[in-house]
């Protein structure tokens, strides 16, 4: 991720997941860095981004099979 931070929790989660997939980044570090770059994001939005990232990674094998 570079430049402006994503404006929504969904965009932030997508950017973090892309970084994890493309460069093998550790999800916890990539998510923490992305959230640090988005201080204006409220607690609920931050929580949603966190759940989206970790939820997708937890269910990645099932999602891959389904797709």
N, C-alpha and C. Protein backbone atom coordinates (compact mmCIF):
# COMPACT_ATOMS: atom_id res chain seq x y z
N UNK A 1 0.84 -1.17 0.00
CA UNK A 1 0.00 0.00 0.00
C UNK A 1 0.88 1.23 0.00
N UNK A 2 0.51 2.18 -0.79
CA UNK A 2 1.27 3.42 -0.82
C UNK A 2 0.33 4.57 -1.07
N UNK A 3 0.81 5.78 -0.83
CA UNK A 3 -0.03 6.95 -1.06
C UNK A 3 -1.06 7.11 0.03
N UNK A 4 -2.22 7.64 -0.36
CA UNK A 4 -3.29 7.86 0.60
C UNK A 4 -3.84 6.55 1.13
N UNK A 5 -4.18 6.52 2.41
CA UNK A 5 -4.78 5.30 2.94
C UNK A 5 -6.20 5.13 2.38
N UNK A 6 -6.66 3.91 2.28
CA UNK A 6 -8.01 3.67 1.79
C UNK A 6 -9.05 4.38 2.67
N UNK A 7 -10.14 4.81 2.07
CA UNK A 7 -11.13 5.61 2.77
C UNK A 7 -12.11 4.77 3.59
N UNK A 8 -12.28 3.51 3.25
CA UNK A 8 -13.23 2.68 3.97
C UNK A 8 -12.55 1.44 4.54
N UNK A 9 -13.23 0.81 5.48
CA UNK A 9 -12.68 -0.40 6.07
C UNK A 9 -12.55 -1.51 5.04
N UNK A 10 -13.50 -1.57 4.12
CA UNK A 10 -13.45 -2.61 3.10
C UNK A 10 -12.28 -2.39 2.15
N UNK A 11 -12.03 -1.16 1.77
CA UNK A 11 -10.90 -0.86 0.90
C UNK A 11 -9.58 -1.13 1.61
N UNK A 12 -9.52 -0.78 2.89
CA UNK A 12 -8.31 -1.04 3.66
C UNK A 12 -8.05 -2.54 3.77
N UNK A 13 -9.09 -3.31 4.07
CA UNK A 13 -8.95 -4.76 4.17
C UNK A 13 -8.49 -5.35 2.84
N UNK A 14 -9.08 -4.87 1.75
CA UNK A 14 -8.68 -5.38 0.44
C UNK A 14 -7.21 -5.08 0.17
N UNK A 15 -6.77 -3.88 0.47
CA UNK A 15 -5.38 -3.50 0.24
C UNK A 15 -4.43 -4.37 1.08
N UNK A 16 -4.80 -4.61 2.33
CA UNK A 16 -3.97 -5.45 3.20
C UNK A 16 -3.91 -6.87 2.65
N UNK A 17 -5.06 -7.42 2.25
CA UNK A 17 -5.07 -8.78 1.71
C UNK A 17 -4.26 -8.88 0.42
N UNK A 18 -4.32 -7.86 -0.41
CA UNK A 18 -3.51 -7.85 -1.62
C UNK A 18 -2.02 -7.84 -1.28
N UNK A 19 -1.66 -7.07 -0.27
CA UNK A 19 -0.24 -7.01 0.13
C UNK A 19 0.22 -8.35 0.68
N UNK A 20 -0.62 -8.99 1.49
CA UNK A 20 -0.28 -10.30 2.05
C UNK A 20 -0.11 -11.32 0.93
N UNK A 21 -1.02 -11.31 -0.03
CA UNK A 21 -0.97 -12.27 -1.14
C UNK A 21 0.21 -12.00 -2.07
N UNK A 22 0.42 -10.74 -2.42
CA UNK A 22 1.44 -10.41 -3.42
C UNK A 22 2.87 -10.51 -2.88
N UNK A 23 3.07 -10.06 -1.66
CA UNK A 23 4.45 -9.99 -1.16
C UNK A 23 4.73 -10.91 0.01
N UNK A 24 3.73 -11.66 0.44
CA UNK A 24 3.95 -12.57 1.55
C UNK A 24 4.10 -11.85 2.88
N UNK A 25 3.57 -10.63 2.97
CA UNK A 25 3.68 -9.87 4.21
C UNK A 25 2.92 -10.57 5.33
N UNK A 26 3.36 -10.37 6.55
CA UNK A 26 2.64 -10.88 7.70
C UNK A 26 1.38 -10.05 7.86
N UNK A 27 0.24 -10.72 7.97
CA UNK A 27 -1.05 -10.03 8.02
C UNK A 27 -1.14 -9.07 9.20
N UNK A 28 -0.68 -9.49 10.36
CA UNK A 28 -0.80 -8.62 11.53
C UNK A 28 0.01 -7.34 11.37
N UNK A 29 1.17 -7.45 10.80
CA UNK A 29 2.00 -6.25 10.60
C UNK A 29 1.46 -5.36 9.49
N UNK A 30 1.00 -5.96 8.41
CA UNK A 30 0.43 -5.18 7.30
C UNK A 30 -0.83 -4.46 7.75
N UNK A 31 -1.67 -5.15 8.52
CA UNK A 31 -2.91 -4.54 9.00
C UNK A 31 -2.60 -3.41 9.98
N UNK A 32 -1.69 -3.65 10.89
CA UNK A 32 -1.32 -2.61 11.86
C UNK A 32 -0.78 -1.37 11.17
N UNK A 33 0.08 -1.56 10.18
CA UNK A 33 0.64 -0.43 9.44
C UNK A 33 -0.45 0.33 8.69
N UNK A 34 -1.37 -0.41 8.08
CA UNK A 34 -2.45 0.24 7.33
C UNK A 34 -3.35 1.03 8.28
N UNK A 35 -3.66 0.47 9.43
CA UNK A 35 -4.50 1.18 10.40
C UNK A 35 -3.78 2.40 10.96
N UNK A 36 -2.48 2.31 11.13
CA UNK A 36 -1.70 3.46 11.61
C UNK A 36 -1.74 4.60 10.60
N UNK A 37 -1.85 4.26 9.31
CA UNK A 37 -1.90 5.29 8.27
C UNK A 37 -3.31 5.85 8.07
N UNK A 38 -4.26 5.33 8.83
CA UNK A 38 -5.66 5.79 8.71
C UNK A 38 -6.20 6.20 10.08
N UNK A 39 -5.58 7.21 10.71
CA UNK A 39 -6.00 7.58 12.07
C UNK A 39 -7.42 8.16 12.13
N UNK A 40 -7.92 8.64 11.00
CA UNK A 40 -9.27 9.23 10.99
C UNK A 40 -10.36 8.16 10.97
N UNK A 41 -10.00 6.92 10.74
CA UNK A 41 -10.98 5.84 10.68
C UNK A 41 -11.47 5.53 12.09
N UNK A 42 -12.78 5.48 12.25
CA UNK A 42 -13.38 5.24 13.55
C UNK A 42 -13.17 3.81 14.04
N UNK A 43 -13.48 3.62 15.31
CA UNK A 43 -13.28 2.31 15.94
C UNK A 43 -14.08 1.21 15.26
N UNK A 44 -15.32 1.50 14.90
CA UNK A 44 -16.15 0.48 14.25
C UNK A 44 -15.57 0.10 12.89
N UNK A 45 -15.12 1.09 12.13
CA UNK A 45 -14.52 0.82 10.82
C UNK A 45 -13.21 0.03 10.97
N UNK A 46 -12.42 0.37 11.97
CA UNK A 46 -11.16 -0.34 12.22
C UNK A 46 -11.45 -1.79 12.58
N UNK A 47 -12.48 -1.98 13.41
CA UNK A 47 -12.87 -3.33 13.80
C UNK A 47 -13.34 -4.15 12.62
N UNK A 48 -14.12 -3.53 11.74
CA UNK A 48 -14.60 -4.23 10.55
C UNK A 48 -13.43 -4.61 9.65
N UNK A 49 -12.50 -3.70 9.45
CA UNK A 49 -11.33 -4.01 8.61
C UNK A 49 -10.55 -5.19 9.20
N UNK A 50 -10.38 -5.19 10.50
CA UNK A 50 -9.66 -6.27 11.17
C UNK A 50 -10.38 -7.59 10.98
N UNK A 51 -11.70 -7.60 11.20
CA UNK A 51 -12.48 -8.83 11.03
C UNK A 51 -12.44 -9.32 9.59
N UNK A 52 -12.53 -8.41 8.64
CA UNK A 52 -12.49 -8.81 7.23
C UNK A 52 -11.16 -9.47 6.89
N UNK A 53 -10.06 -8.85 7.30
CA UNK A 53 -8.74 -9.41 6.99
C UNK A 53 -8.56 -10.78 7.62
N UNK A 54 -8.78 -10.87 8.92
CA UNK A 54 -8.54 -12.14 9.60
C UNK A 54 -9.58 -13.19 9.23
N UNK A 55 -10.81 -12.76 8.95
CA UNK A 55 -11.84 -13.71 8.54
C UNK A 55 -11.53 -14.33 7.19
N UNK A 56 -11.10 -13.51 6.24
CA UNK A 56 -10.73 -14.04 4.92
C UNK A 56 -9.55 -14.99 5.05
N UNK A 57 -8.55 -14.62 5.83
CA UNK A 57 -7.38 -15.49 5.97
C UNK A 57 -7.72 -16.79 6.68
N UNK A 58 -8.62 -16.73 7.67
CA UNK A 58 -9.04 -17.95 8.37
C UNK A 58 -9.77 -18.90 7.42
N UNK A 59 -10.51 -18.35 6.50
CA UNK A 59 -11.34 -19.17 5.61
C UNK A 59 -10.77 -19.27 4.19
N UNK A 60 -9.51 -18.97 4.04
CA UNK A 60 -8.91 -18.90 2.71
C UNK A 60 -9.02 -20.22 1.94
N UNK A 61 -8.74 -21.33 2.57
CA UNK A 61 -8.80 -22.62 1.86
C UNK A 61 -10.22 -22.91 1.40
N UNK A 62 -11.20 -22.65 2.25
CA UNK A 62 -12.59 -22.89 1.88
C UNK A 62 -13.01 -21.96 0.73
N UNK A 63 -12.60 -20.70 0.81
CA UNK A 63 -12.92 -19.76 -0.25
C UNK A 63 -12.26 -20.16 -1.57
N UNK A 64 -11.02 -20.61 -1.50
CA UNK A 64 -10.32 -21.04 -2.72
C UNK A 64 -11.03 -22.23 -3.36
N UNK A 65 -11.48 -23.18 -2.55
CA UNK A 65 -12.20 -24.34 -3.08
C UNK A 65 -13.51 -23.91 -3.72
N UNK A 66 -14.20 -22.96 -3.11
CA UNK A 66 -15.50 -22.51 -3.61
C UNK A 66 -15.35 -21.76 -4.93
N UNK A 67 -14.24 -21.06 -5.07
CA UNK A 67 -14.04 -20.29 -6.30
C UNK A 67 -13.42 -21.17 -7.36
